[in-house]
Amino acid sequence: MYPCMQPEEAVKQVQCVANASLAETGQRVAPLYEPTFRRVAAEGTGADVTWLADQLCTAISSGNRPNVDEAEGLATDALSRRALTDGGQR
């Protein structure tokens, strides 16, 4: 299980990874994902936010920068994972 993370913390994490991994600065990249993190926090848990941040950071560390639609797809995956594993309860 992932530890719980708030959307603001997730944005900072992605920003740090982007600063270290991409030619673009994390200050421009990370805020693009904030609405996605907020949606996951509202519909899921802090652990789901952390999972999403981990997935985005892994992609960015590999030299990729997921666009907003790709981040939204990962967010849907995060929330779907939860639906399959929590017995249908929030």
PDB file of N, CA and C in Angstrom:
ATOM      1  N   MET A   1       0.843  -1.179   0.000  1.00  0.00           N
ATOM      2  CA  MET A   1       0.000   0.000   0.000  1.00  0.00           C
ATOM      3  C   MET A   1       0.888   1.242   0.000  1.00  0.00           C
ATOM      4  N   TYR A   2       0.429   2.247  -0.704  1.00  0.00           N
ATOM      5  CA  TYR A   2       1.169   3.503  -0.784  1.00  0.00           C
ATOM      6  C   TYR A   2       0.807   4.392   0.398  1.00  0.00           C
ATOM      7  N   PRO A   3       1.782   5.181   0.891  1.00  0.00           N
ATOM      8  CA  PRO A   3       1.453   6.150   1.935  1.00  0.00           C
ATOM      9  C   PRO A   3       0.553   7.234   1.340  1.00  0.00           C
ATOM     10  N   CYS A   4      -0.116   7.988   2.180  1.00  0.00           N
ATOM     11  CA  CYS A   4      -1.042   9.019   1.720  1.00  0.00           C
ATOM     12  C   CYS A   4      -0.307  10.312   1.401  1.00  0.00           C
ATOM     13  N   MET A   5      -0.716  10.947   0.303  1.00  0.00           N
ATOM     14  CA  MET A   5      -0.104  12.188  -0.138  1.00  0.00           C
ATOM     15  C   MET A   5      -1.229  13.139  -0.551  1.00  0.00           C
ATOM     16  N   GLN A   6      -1.068  14.399  -0.219  1.00  0.00           N
ATOM     17  CA  GLN A   6      -2.016  15.430  -0.624  1.00  0.00           C
ATOM     18  C   GLN A   6      -1.645  15.927  -2.028  1.00  0.00           C
ATOM     19  N   PRO A   7      -2.613  16.487  -2.781  1.00  0.00           N
ATOM     20  CA  PRO A   7      -2.311  16.959  -4.131  1.00  0.00           C
ATOM     21  C   PRO A   7      -1.141  17.945  -4.198  1.00  0.00           C
ATOM     22  N   GLU A   8      -1.051  18.846  -3.244  1.00  0.00           N
ATOM     23  CA  GLU A   8       0.028  19.832  -3.248  1.00  0.00           C
ATOM     24  C   GLU A   8       1.391  19.162  -3.096  1.00  0.00           C
ATOM     25  N   GLU A   9       1.449  18.141  -2.247  1.00  0.00           N
ATOM     26  CA  GLU A   9       2.694  17.391  -2.063  1.00  0.00           C
ATOM     27  C   GLU A   9       3.064  16.640  -3.339  1.00  0.00           C
ATOM     28  N   ALA A  10       2.059  16.104  -4.005  1.00  0.00           N
ATOM     29  CA  ALA A  10       2.299  15.356  -5.243  1.00  0.00           C
ATOM     30  C   ALA A  10       2.859  16.272  -6.323  1.00  0.00           C
ATOM     31  N   VAL A  11       2.309  17.475  -6.429  1.00  0.00           N
ATOM     32  CA  VAL A  11       2.811  18.435  -7.419  1.00  0.00           C
ATOM     33  C   VAL A  11       4.268  18.769  -7.124  1.00  0.00           C
ATOM     34  N   LYS A  12       4.609  18.987  -5.865  1.00  0.00           N
ATOM     35  CA  LYS A  12       6.004  19.290  -5.493  1.00  0.00           C
ATOM     36  C   LYS A  12       6.929  18.127  -5.826  1.00  0.00           C
ATOM     37  N   GLN A  13       6.460  16.905  -5.593  1.00  0.00           N
ATOM     38  CA  GLN A  13       7.270  15.722  -5.900  1.00  0.00           C
ATOM     39  C   GLN A  13       7.551  15.637  -7.393  1.00  0.00           C
ATOM     40  N   VAL A  14       6.508  15.811  -8.195  1.00  0.00           N
ATOM     41  CA  VAL A  14       6.677  15.772  -9.652  1.00  0.00           C
ATOM     42  C   VAL A  14       7.591  16.910 -10.099  1.00  0.00           C
ATOM     43  N   GLN A  15       7.449  18.067  -9.483  1.00  0.00           N
ATOM     44  CA  GLN A  15       8.295  19.215  -9.827  1.00  0.00           C
ATOM     45  C   GLN A  15       9.767  18.896  -9.578  1.00  0.00           C
ATOM     46  N   CYS A  16      10.073  18.287  -8.452  1.00  0.00           N
ATOM     47  CA  CYS A  16      11.467  17.938  -8.141  1.00  0.00           C
ATOM     48  C   CYS A  16      12.024  16.931  -9.138  1.00  0.00           C
ATOM     49  N   VAL A  17      11.245  15.922  -9.472  1.00  0.00           N
ATOM     50  CA  VAL A  17      11.699  14.905 -10.420  1.00  0.00           C
ATOM     51  C   VAL A  17      11.877  15.531 -11.798  1.00  0.00           C
ATOM     52  N   ALA A  18      10.953  16.392 -12.203  1.00  0.00           N
ATOM     53  CA  ALA A  18      11.058  17.046 -13.506  1.00  0.00           C
ATOM     54  C   ALA A  18      12.288  17.938 -13.564  1.00  0.00           C
ATOM     55  N   ASN A  19      12.560  18.650 -12.489  1.00  0.00           N
ATOM     56  CA  ASN A  19      13.758  19.505 -12.453  1.00  0.00           C
ATOM     57  C   ASN A  19      15.018  18.682 -12.666  1.00  0.00           C
ATOM     58  N   ALA A  20      15.048  17.493 -12.121  1.00  0.00           N
ATOM     59  CA  ALA A  20      16.235  16.649 -12.205  1.00  0.00           C
ATOM     60  C   ALA A  20      16.304  15.858 -13.513  1.00  0.00           C
ATOM     61  N   SER A  21      15.168  15.683 -14.202  1.00  0.00           N
ATOM     62  CA  SER A  21      15.127  14.750 -15.323  1.00  0.00           C
ATOM     63  C   SER A  21      14.848  15.355 -16.695  1.00  0.00           C
ATOM     64  N   LEU A  22      14.242  16.508 -16.749  1.00  0.00           N
ATOM     65  CA  LEU A  22      13.830  17.069 -18.031  1.00  0.00           C
ATOM     66  C   LEU A  22      14.548  18.378 -18.319  1.00  0.00           C
ATOM     67  N   ALA A  23      14.607  18.732 -19.580  1.00  0.00           N
ATOM     68  CA  ALA A  23      15.169  20.024 -19.958  1.00  0.00           C
ATOM     69  C   ALA A  23      14.240  21.152 -19.510  1.00  0.00           C
ATOM     70  N   GLU A  24      12.935  20.867 -19.458  1.00  0.00           N
ATOM     71  CA  GLU A  24      11.973  21.853 -18.990  1.00  0.00           C
ATOM     72  C   GLU A  24      12.049  21.940 -17.468  1.00  0.00           C
ATOM     73  N   THR A  25      11.686  23.064 -16.926  1.00  0.00           N
ATOM     74  CA  THR A  25      11.689  23.162 -15.470  1.00  0.00           C
ATOM     75  C   THR A  25      10.430  22.543 -14.900  1.00  0.00           C
ATOM     76  N   GLY A  26      10.569  21.975 -13.741  1.00  0.00           N
ATOM     77  CA  GLY A  26       9.436  21.366 -13.065  1.00  0.00           C
ATOM     78  C   GLY A  26       8.350  22.358 -12.719  1.00  0.00           C
ATOM     79  N   GLN A  27       8.720  23.629 -12.583  1.00  0.00           N
ATOM     80  CA  GLN A  27       7.732  24.649 -12.255  1.00  0.00           C
ATOM     81  C   GLN A  27       6.728  24.831 -13.388  1.00  0.00           C
ATOM     82  N   ARG A  28       7.125  24.502 -14.608  1.00  0.00           N
ATOM     83  CA  ARG A  28       6.190  24.586 -15.735  1.00  0.00           C
ATOM     84  C   ARG A  28       5.439  23.283 -15.932  1.00  0.00           C
ATOM     85  N   VAL A  29       6.074  22.173 -15.650  1.00  0.00           N
ATOM     86  CA  VAL A  29       5.491  20.857 -15.922  1.00  0.00           C
ATOM     87  C   VAL A  29       4.516  20.430 -14.826  1.00  0.00           C
ATOM     88  N   ALA A  30       4.944  20.447 -13.594  1.00  0.00           N
ATOM     89  CA  ALA A  30       4.162  19.886 -12.488  1.00  0.00           C
ATOM     90  C   ALA A  30       2.783  20.515 -12.308  1.00  0.00           C
ATOM     91  N   PRO A  31       2.631  21.833 -12.409  1.00  0.00           N
ATOM     92  CA  PRO A  31       1.295  22.406 -12.196  1.00  0.00           C
ATOM     93  C   PRO A  31       0.236  21.912 -13.191  1.00  0.00           C
ATOM     94  N   LEU A  32       0.669  21.429 -14.342  1.00  0.00           N
ATOM     95  CA  LEU A  32      -0.286  20.894 -15.314  1.00  0.00           C
ATOM     96  C   LEU A  32      -1.049  19.699 -14.749  1.00  0.00           C
ATOM     97  N   TYR A  33      -0.429  18.991 -13.814  1.00  0.00           N
ATOM     98  CA  TYR A  33      -1.039  17.791 -13.244  1.00  0.00           C
ATOM     99  C   TYR A  33      -1.894  18.071 -12.010  1.00  0.00           C
ATOM    100  N   GLU A  34      -1.847  19.288 -11.484  1.00  0.00           N
ATOM    101  CA  GLU A  34      -2.553  19.562 -10.231  1.00  0.00           C
ATOM    102  C   GLU A  34      -4.053  19.273 -10.295  1.00  0.00           C
ATOM    103  N   PRO A  35      -4.776  19.669 -11.360  1.00  0.00           N
ATOM    104  CA  PRO A  35      -6.205  19.315 -11.402  1.00  0.00           C
ATOM    105  C   PRO A  35      -6.436  17.799 -11.366  1.00  0.00           C
ATOM    106  N   THR A  36      -5.539  17.052 -11.978  1.00  0.00           N
ATOM    107  CA  THR A  36      -5.655  15.595 -11.973  1.00  0.00           C
ATOM    108  C   THR A  36      -5.449  15.051 -10.566  1.00  0.00           C
ATOM    109  N   PHE A  37      -4.428  15.564  -9.866  1.00  0.00           N
ATOM    110  CA  PHE A  37      -4.208  15.140  -8.476  1.00  0.00           C
ATOM    111  C   PHE A  37      -5.410  15.489  -7.607  1.00  0.00           C
ATOM    112  N   ARG A  38      -5.989  16.660  -7.821  1.00  0.00           N
ATOM    113  CA  ARG A  38      -7.150  17.066  -7.023  1.00  0.00           C
ATOM    114  C   ARG A  38      -8.344  16.143  -7.279  1.00  0.00           C
ATOM    115  N   ARG A  39      -8.533  15.749  -8.534  1.00  0.00           N
ATOM    116  CA  ARG A  39      -9.636  14.831  -8.858  1.00  0.00           C
ATOM    117  C   ARG A  39      -9.439  13.494  -8.155  1.00  0.00           C
ATOM    118  N   VAL A  40      -8.204  12.987  -8.200  1.00  0.00           N
ATOM    119  CA  VAL A  40      -7.929  11.704  -7.548  1.00  0.00           C
ATOM    120  C   VAL A  40      -8.124  11.817  -6.045  1.00  0.00           C
ATOM    121  N   ALA A  41      -7.711  12.938  -5.460  1.00  0.00           N
ATOM    122  CA  ALA A  41      -7.904  13.129  -4.018  1.00  0.00           C
ATOM    123  C   ALA A  41      -9.385  13.185  -3.662  1.00  0.00           C
ATOM    124  N   ALA A  42     -10.180  13.823  -4.526  1.00  0.00           N
ATOM    125  CA  ALA A  42     -11.611  13.956  -4.250  1.00  0.00           C
ATOM    126  C   ALA A  42     -12.352  12.631  -4.426  1.00  0.00           C
ATOM    127  N   GLU A  43     -11.940  11.836  -5.407  1.00  0.00           N
ATOM    128  CA  GLU A  43     -12.650  10.599  -5.724  1.00  0.00           C
ATOM    129  C   GLU A  43     -12.016   9.363  -5.097  1.00  0.00           C
ATOM    130  N   GLY A  44     -10.779   9.503  -4.615  1.00  0.00           N
ATOM    131  CA  GLY A  44     -10.067   8.361  -4.050  1.00  0.00           C
ATOM    132  C   GLY A  44      -9.482   8.704  -2.699  1.00  0.00           C
ATOM    133  N   THR A  45      -8.239   8.277  -2.494  1.00  0.00           N
ATOM    134  CA  THR A  45      -7.560   8.500  -1.210  1.00  0.00           C
ATOM    135  C   THR A  45      -6.190   9.125  -1.455  1.00  0.00           C
ATOM    136  N   GLY A  46      -5.543   9.490  -0.369  1.00  0.00           N
ATOM    137  CA  GLY A  46      -4.176   9.980  -0.457  1.00  0.00           C
ATOM    138  C   GLY A  46      -3.231   8.940  -1.019  1.00  0.00           C
ATOM    139  N   ALA A  47      -3.527   7.667  -0.767  1.00  0.00           N
ATOM    140  CA  ALA A  47      -2.705   6.589  -1.325  1.00  0.00           C
ATOM    141  C   ALA A  47      -2.834   6.560  -2.852  1.00  0.00           C
ATOM    142  N   ASP A  48      -4.022   6.877  -3.364  1.00  0.00           N
ATOM    143  CA  ASP A  48      -4.214   6.933  -4.813  1.00  0.00           C
ATOM    144  C   ASP A  48      -3.431   8.096  -5.419  1.00  0.00           C
ATOM    145  N   VAL A  49      -3.405   9.220  -4.714  1.00  0.00           N
ATOM    146  CA  VAL A  49      -2.622  10.381  -5.152  1.00  0.00           C
ATOM    147  C   VAL A  49      -1.145  10.007  -5.201  1.00  0.00           C
ATOM    148  N   THR A  50      -0.687   9.308  -4.169  1.00  0.00           N
ATOM    149  CA  THR A  50       0.711   8.887  -4.113  1.00  0.00           C
ATOM    150  C   THR A  50       1.038   7.935  -5.255  1.00  0.00           C
ATOM    151  N   TRP A  51       0.152   6.996  -5.553  1.00  0.00           N
ATOM    152  CA  TRP A  51       0.360   6.057  -6.657  1.00  0.00           C
ATOM    153  C   TRP A  51       0.484   6.815  -7.972  1.00  0.00           C
ATOM    154  N   LEU A  52      -0.399   7.784  -8.184  1.00  0.00           N
ATOM    155  CA  LEU A  52      -0.350   8.582  -9.411  1.00  0.00           C
ATOM    156  C   LEU A  52       0.955   9.365  -9.492  1.00  0.00           C
ATOM    157  N   ALA A  53       1.362   9.984  -8.399  1.00  0.00           N
ATOM    158  CA  ALA A  53       2.629  10.724  -8.387  1.00  0.00           C
ATOM    159  C   ALA A  53       3.796   9.801  -8.710  1.00  0.00           C
ATOM    160  N   ASP A  54       3.767   8.606  -8.155  1.00  0.00           N
ATOM    161  CA  ASP A  54       4.833   7.628  -8.420  1.00  0.00           C
ATOM    162  C   ASP A  54       4.879   7.271  -9.903  1.00  0.00           C
ATOM    163  N   GLN A  55       3.718   7.052 -10.500  1.00  0.00           N
ATOM    164  CA  GLN A  55       3.672   6.700 -11.922  1.00  0.00           C
ATOM    165  C   GLN A  55       4.201   7.837 -12.785  1.00  0.00           C
ATOM    166  N   LEU A  56       3.797   9.067 -12.476  1.00  0.00           N
ATOM    167  CA  LEU A  56       4.267  10.227 -13.244  1.00  0.00           C
ATOM    168  C   LEU A  56       5.760  10.442 -13.043  1.00  0.00           C
ATOM    169  N   CYS A  57       6.226  10.308 -11.814  1.00  0.00           N
ATOM    170  CA  CYS A  57       7.660  10.493 -11.537  1.00  0.00           C
ATOM    171  C   CYS A  57       8.498   9.429 -12.237  1.00  0.00           C
ATOM    172  N   THR A  58       8.005   8.204 -12.285  1.00  0.00           N
ATOM    173  CA  THR A  58       8.721   7.132 -12.986  1.00  0.00           C
ATOM    174  C   THR A  58       8.832   7.455 -14.464  1.00  0.00           C
ATOM    175  N   ALA A  59       7.746   7.914 -15.060  1.00  0.00           N
ATOM    176  CA  ALA A  59       7.771   8.273 -16.481  1.00  0.00           C
ATOM    177  C   ALA A  59       8.727   9.440 -16.730  1.00  0.00           C
ATOM    178  N   ILE A  60       8.663  10.450 -15.884  1.00  0.00           N
ATOM    179  CA  ILE A  60       9.518  11.626 -16.054  1.00  0.00           C
ATOM    180  C   ILE A  60      10.981  11.254 -15.849  1.00  0.00           C
ATOM    181  N   SER A  61      11.259  10.412 -14.880  1.00  0.00           N
ATOM    182  CA  SER A  61      12.645   9.968 -14.632  1.00  0.00           C
ATOM    183  C   SER A  61      13.213   9.227 -15.831  1.00  0.00           C
ATOM    184  N   SER A  62      12.330   8.603 -16.615  1.00  0.00           N
ATOM    185  CA  SER A  62      12.752   7.880 -17.816  1.00  0.00           C
ATOM    186  C   SER A  62      12.918   8.805 -19.008  1.00  0.00           C
ATOM    187  N   GLY A  63      12.672  10.098 -18.808  1.00  0.00           N
ATOM    188  CA  GLY A  63      12.830  11.067 -19.886  1.00  0.00           C
ATOM    189  C   GLY A  63      11.551  11.384 -20.631  1.00  0.00           C
ATOM    190  N   ASN A  64      10.446  10.838 -20.182  1.00  0.00           N
ATOM    191  CA  ASN A  64       9.148  11.120 -20.800  1.00  0.00           C
ATOM    192  C   ASN A  64       8.424  12.189 -20.000  1.00  0.00           C
ATOM    193  N   ARG A  65       7.547  12.898 -20.659  1.00  0.00           N
ATOM    194  CA  ARG A  65       6.675  13.828 -19.940  1.00  0.00           C
ATOM    195  C   ARG A  65       5.247  13.543 -20.358  1.00  0.00           C
ATOM    196  N   PRO A  66       4.516  12.785 -19.536  1.00  0.00           N
ATOM    197  CA  PRO A  66       3.133  12.487 -19.880  1.00  0.00           C
ATOM    198  C   PRO A  66       2.337  13.784 -20.060  1.00  0.00           C
ATOM    199  N   ASN A  67       1.515  13.831 -21.110  1.00  0.00           N
ATOM    200  CA  ASN A  67       0.666  15.001 -21.280  1.00  0.00           C
ATOM    201  C   ASN A  67      -0.516  14.881 -20.321  1.00  0.00           C
ATOM    202  N   VAL A  68      -1.342  15.899 -20.292  1.00  0.00           N
ATOM    203  CA  VAL A  68      -2.453  15.924 -19.338  1.00  0.00           C
ATOM    204  C   VAL A  68      -3.414  14.754 -19.581  1.00  0.00           C
ATOM    205  N   ASP A  69      -3.671  14.434 -20.844  1.00  0.00           N
ATOM    206  CA  ASP A  69      -4.571  13.310 -21.137  1.00  0.00           C
ATOM    207  C   ASP A  69      -3.996  11.990 -20.630  1.00  0.00           C
ATOM    208  N   GLU A  70      -2.684  11.809 -20.771  1.00  0.00           N
ATOM    209  CA  GLU A  70      -2.049  10.594 -20.254  1.00  0.00           C
ATOM    210  C   GLU A  70      -2.124  10.556 -18.729  1.00  0.00           C
ATOM    211  N   ALA A  71      -1.936  11.713 -18.093  1.00  0.00           N
ATOM    212  CA  ALA A  71      -2.046  11.781 -16.634  1.00  0.00           C
ATOM    213  C   ALA A  71      -3.475  11.457 -16.194  1.00  0.00           C
ATOM    214  N   GLU A  72      -4.453  11.945 -16.950  1.00  0.00           N
ATOM    215  CA  GLU A  72      -5.848  11.640 -16.635  1.00  0.00           C
ATOM    216  C   GLU A  72      -6.118  10.139 -16.776  1.00  0.00           C
ATOM    217  N   GLY A  73      -5.508   9.512 -17.788  1.00  0.00           N
ATOM    218  CA  GLY A  73      -5.651   8.068 -17.948  1.00  0.00           C
ATOM    219  C   GLY A  73      -5.071   7.314 -16.770  1.00  0.00           C
ATOM    220  N   LEU A  74      -3.911   7.770 -16.298  1.00  0.00           N
ATOM    221  CA  LEU A  74      -3.318   7.154 -15.111  1.00  0.00           C
ATOM    222  C   LEU A  74      -4.197   7.371 -13.884  1.00  0.00           C
ATOM    223  N   ALA A  75      -4.809   8.554 -13.807  1.00  0.00           N
ATOM    224  CA  ALA A  75      -5.708   8.837 -12.679  1.00  0.00           C
ATOM    225  C   ALA A  75      -6.894   7.882 -12.697  1.00  0.00           C
ATOM    226  N   THR A  76      -7.437   7.650 -13.866  1.00  0.00           N
ATOM    227  CA  THR A  76      -8.554   6.704 -13.995  1.00  0.00           C
ATOM    228  C   THR A  76      -8.103   5.309 -13.582  1.00  0.00           C
ATOM    229  N   ASP A  77      -6.878   4.934 -13.976  1.00  0.00           N
ATOM    230  CA  ASP A  77      -6.323   3.644 -13.555  1.00  0.00           C
ATOM    231  C   ASP A  77      -6.216   3.568 -12.040  1.00  0.00           C
ATOM    232  N   ALA A  78      -5.738   4.659 -11.427  1.00  0.00           N
ATOM    233  CA  ALA A  78      -5.592   4.681  -9.963  1.00  0.00           C
ATOM    234  C   ALA A  78      -6.937   4.473  -9.287  1.00  0.00           C
ATOM    235  N   LEU A  79      -7.946   5.160  -9.779  1.00  0.00           N
ATOM    236  CA  LEU A  79      -9.267   5.042  -9.169  1.00  0.00           C
ATOM    237  C   LEU A  79      -9.909   3.692  -9.471  1.00  0.00           C
ATOM    238  N   SER A  80      -9.638   3.132 -10.636  1.00  0.00           N
ATOM    239  CA  SER A  80     -10.148   1.799 -10.982  1.00  0.00           C
ATOM    240  C   SER A  80      -9.509   0.727 -10.120  1.00  0.00           C
ATOM    241  N   ARG A  81      -8.199   0.868  -9.872  1.00  0.00           N
ATOM    242  CA  ARG A  81      -7.492  -0.076  -9.003  1.00  0.00           C
ATOM    243  C   ARG A  81      -8.174  -0.131  -7.650  1.00  0.00           C
ATOM    244  N   ARG A  82      -8.520   1.016  -7.145  1.00  0.00           N
ATOM    245  CA  ARG A  82      -9.156   1.106  -5.835  1.00  0.00           C
ATOM    246  C   ARG A  82     -10.512   0.417  -5.862  1.00  0.00           C
ATOM    247  N   ALA A  83     -11.289   0.656  -6.914  1.00  0.00           N
ATOM    248  CA  ALA A  83     -12.610   0.057  -7.011  1.00  0.00           C
ATOM    249  C   ALA A  83     -12.528  -1.460  -7.017  1.00  0.00           C
ATOM    250  N   LEU A  84     -11.457  -2.005  -7.574  1.00  0.00           N
ATOM    251  CA  LEU A  84     -11.317  -3.452  -7.631  1.00  0.00           C
ATOM    252  C   LEU A  84     -10.796  -4.050  -6.335  1.00  0.00           C
ATOM    253  N   THR A  85     -10.168  -3.246  -5.484  1.00  0.00           N
ATOM    254  CA  THR A  85      -9.510  -3.801  -4.314  1.00  0.00           C
ATOM    255  C   THR A  85     -10.134  -3.397  -2.985  1.00  0.00           C
ATOM    256  N   ASP A  86     -11.086  -2.462  -2.979  1.00  0.00           N
ATOM    257  CA  ASP A  86     -11.613  -2.027  -1.686  1.00  0.00           C
ATOM    258  C   ASP A  86     -12.964  -2.626  -1.340  1.00  0.00           C
ATOM    259  N   GLY A  87     -13.413  -3.607  -2.110  1.00  0.00           N
ATOM    260  CA  GLY A  87     -14.680  -4.239  -1.832  1.00  0.00           C
ATOM    261  C   GLY A  87     -15.873  -3.347  -2.139  1.00  0.00           C
ATOM    262  N   GLY A  88     -15.622  -2.292  -2.939  1.00  0.00           N
ATOM    263  CA  GLY A  88     -16.699  -1.396  -3.307  1.00  0.00           C
ATOM    264  C   GLY A  88     -17.024  -0.347  -2.274  1.00  0.00           C
ATOM    265  N   GLN A  89     -16.188  -0.211  -1.261  1.00  0.00           N
ATOM    266  CA  GLN A  89     -16.424   0.769  -0.219  1.00  0.00           C
ATOM    267  C   GLN A  89     -15.347   1.816  -0.241  1.00  0.00           C
ATOM    268  N   ARG A  90     -15.695   3.001   0.147  1.00  0.00           N
ATOM    269  CA  ARG A  90     -14.721   4.108   0.220  1.00  0.00           C
ATOM    270  C   ARG A  90     -14.445   4.447   1.636  1.00  0.00           C
TER     271      ARG A  90
END
